[in-house]
C-alpha atoms as a PDB file:
ATOM      1  CA  MET A   1      81.064 -33.404 -22.330  1.00  0.00           C
ATOM      2  CA  ASN A   2      77.528 -34.900 -21.511  1.00  0.00           C
ATOM      3  CA  LEU A   3      75.626 -34.763 -18.373  1.00  0.00           C
ATOM      4  CA  GLN A   4      76.811 -38.299 -17.219  1.00  0.00           C
ATOM      5  CA  GLU A   5      80.534 -37.429 -17.686  1.00  0.00           C
ATOM      6  CA  ALA A   6      80.102 -34.022 -16.073  1.00  0.00           C
ATOM      7  CA  LYS A   7      78.672 -35.860 -12.968  1.00  0.00           C
ATOM      8  CA  ARG A   8      81.213 -38.315 -12.754  1.00  0.00           C
ATOM      9  CA  LYS A   9      84.030 -35.940 -12.958  1.00  0.00           C
ATOM     10  CA  ILE A  10      82.589 -33.978 -10.068  1.00  0.00           C
ATOM     11  CA  LYS A  11      81.859 -37.080  -8.024  1.00  0.00           C
ATOM     12  CA  GLU A  12      85.783 -37.957  -8.592  1.00  0.00           C
ATOM     13  CA  PHE A  13      86.752 -34.547  -7.545  1.00  0.00           C
ATOM     14  CA  ILE A  14      84.761 -34.204  -4.253  1.00  0.00           C
ATOM     15  CA  ALA A  15      85.579 -38.030  -3.277  1.00  0.00           C
ATOM     16  CA  ASP A  16      88.731 -36.922  -1.569  1.00  0.00           C
ATOM     17  CA  PHE A  17      86.857 -34.341   0.547  1.00  0.00           C
ATOM     18  CA  LYS A  18      84.648 -37.028   2.230  1.00  0.00           C
ATOM     19  CA  LEU A  19      81.406 -34.938   2.356  1.00  0.00           C
ATOM     20  CA  SER A  20      78.819 -36.335   4.442  1.00  0.00           C
ATOM     21  CA  LYS A  21      76.061 -34.606   2.751  1.00  0.00           C
ATOM     22  CA  SER A  22      76.265 -33.576  -0.798  1.00  0.00           C
ATOM     23  CA  LYS A  23      74.216 -33.186  -3.937  1.00  0.00           C
ATOM     24  CA  ILE A  24      75.151 -32.557  -7.614  1.00  0.00           C
ATOM     25  CA  ASN A  25      73.056 -30.443  -9.459  1.00  0.00           C
ATOM     26  CA  ILE A  26      73.667 -29.605 -13.124  1.00  0.00           C
ATOM     27  CA  TYR A  27      71.216 -27.021 -14.663  1.00  0.00           C
ATOM     28  CA  SER A  28      71.503 -25.533 -18.368  1.00  0.00           C
ATOM     29  CA  ASP A  29      69.745 -22.581 -19.437  1.00  0.00           C
ATOM     30  CA  VAL A  30      70.356 -19.684 -21.979  1.00  0.00           C
ATOM     31  CA  SER A  31      72.564 -17.929 -19.703  1.00  0.00           C
ATOM     32  CA  VAL A  32      74.356 -18.301 -16.488  1.00  0.00           C
ATOM     33  CA  GLU A  33      72.101 -15.540 -14.755  1.00  0.00           C
ATOM     34  CA  LYS A  34      68.762 -17.164 -16.066  1.00  0.00           C
ATOM     35  CA  GLY A  35      70.087 -20.647 -15.081  1.00  0.00           C
ATOM     36  CA  ILE A  36      70.708 -19.608 -11.367  1.00  0.00           C
ATOM     37  CA  LEU A  37      67.506 -17.609 -11.190  1.00  0.00           C
ATOM     38  CA  ASN A  38      65.480 -20.414 -12.652  1.00  0.00           C
ATOM     39  CA  PHE A  39      67.238 -23.107 -10.396  1.00  0.00           C
ATOM     40  CA  SER A  40      66.639 -21.005  -7.446  1.00  0.00           C
ATOM     41  CA  ARG A  41      62.994 -20.826  -8.147  1.00  0.00           C
ATOM     42  CA  GLU A  42      62.695 -24.661  -8.815  1.00  0.00           C
ATOM     43  CA  ILE A  43      64.367 -25.309  -5.535  1.00  0.00           C
ATOM     44  CA  LYS A  44      62.610 -22.699  -3.597  1.00  0.00           C
ATOM     45  CA  ALA A  45      65.880 -21.245  -2.484  1.00  0.00           C
ATOM     46  CA  ASP A  46      65.624 -18.546   0.228  1.00  0.00           C
ATOM     47  CA  LEU A  47      68.996 -17.174  -0.632  1.00  0.00           C
ATOM     48  CA  ILE A  48      71.333 -16.998  -3.751  1.00  0.00           C
ATOM     49  CA  THR A  49      75.122 -17.195  -2.644  1.00  0.00           C
ATOM     50  CA  LEU A  50      77.867 -16.470  -5.189  1.00  0.00           C
ATOM     51  CA  SER A  51      81.709 -16.031  -4.975  1.00  0.00           C
ATOM     52  CA  THR A  52      83.224 -13.099  -6.787  1.00  0.00           C
ATOM     53  CA  HIS A  53      86.748 -12.359  -7.783  1.00  0.00           C
ATOM     54  CA  GLY A  54      86.141  -8.507  -7.500  1.00  0.00           C
ATOM     55  CA  ARG A  55      87.669  -7.769 -10.867  1.00  0.00           C
ATOM     56  CA  SER A  56      88.102  -4.338 -12.059  1.00  0.00           C
ATOM     57  CA  GLY A  57      89.409  -2.340 -14.901  1.00  0.00           C
ATOM     58  CA  LEU A  58      90.025  -4.013 -18.184  1.00  0.00           C
ATOM     59  CA  ALA A  59      89.323  -7.519 -16.889  1.00  0.00           C
ATOM     60  CA  HIS A  60      85.803  -6.332 -15.674  1.00  0.00           C
ATOM     61  CA  LEU A  61      85.219  -4.747 -19.053  1.00  0.00           C
ATOM     62  CA  PHE A  62      86.057  -7.812 -21.025  1.00  0.00           C
ATOM     63  CA  THR A  63      84.383 -10.750 -18.721  1.00  0.00           C
ATOM     64  CA  GLY A  64      81.587  -8.995 -17.180  1.00  0.00           C
ATOM     65  CA  SER A  65      80.165  -9.749 -13.856  1.00  0.00           C
ATOM     66  CA  VAL A  66      77.718 -12.788 -13.377  1.00  0.00           C
ATOM     67  CA  THR A  67      77.191 -11.462  -9.767  1.00  0.00           C
ATOM     68  CA  LYS A  68      76.590  -8.010 -10.812  1.00  0.00           C
ATOM     69  CA  ASN A  69      74.295  -8.850 -13.677  1.00  0.00           C
ATOM     70  CA  LEU A  70      72.327 -11.324 -11.394  1.00  0.00           C
ATOM     71  CA  SER A  71      71.930  -9.036  -8.712  1.00  0.00           C
ATOM     72  CA  LYS A  72      69.928  -6.500 -10.996  1.00  0.00           C
ATOM     73  CA  ASN A  73      67.280  -9.513 -11.660  1.00  0.00           C
ATOM     74  CA  ALA A  74      67.494 -11.549  -8.530  1.00  0.00           C
ATOM     75  CA  LEU A  75      64.141 -11.238  -6.588  1.00  0.00           C
ATOM     76  CA  LYS A  76      65.770 -13.072  -3.631  1.00  0.00           C
ATOM     77  CA  PRO A  77      68.389 -12.050  -1.043  1.00  0.00           C
ATOM     78  CA  MET A  78      72.037 -12.489  -2.311  1.00  0.00           C
ATOM     79  CA  MET A  79      75.244 -12.930  -0.590  1.00  0.00           C
ATOM     80  CA  THR A  80      78.550 -12.538  -2.279  1.00  0.00           C
ATOM     81  CA  ILE A  81      81.916 -13.614  -1.213  1.00  0.00           C
ATOM     82  CA  LYS A  82      85.293 -12.371  -2.576  1.00  0.00           C
ATOM     83  CA  VAL A  83      87.646 -14.978  -3.161  1.00  0.00           C
END
């Protein structure tokens, strides 16, 4: 899927929510963690907020945790919300 297709699909998805202020950002980097860190620097973010599933056991071993890996390298405050 190219960038234009991705943006179109996102716009279609959020159209029903009638969001008055929204902005779509798609950022590509070598890893999810590096992408989040680099994007947060680029926009001069004060806080990085992520949702987490709180996996443990085998699921955690096989999928890892972006939130956990990011928290080791983030130089900004982080807020995590368990969903």
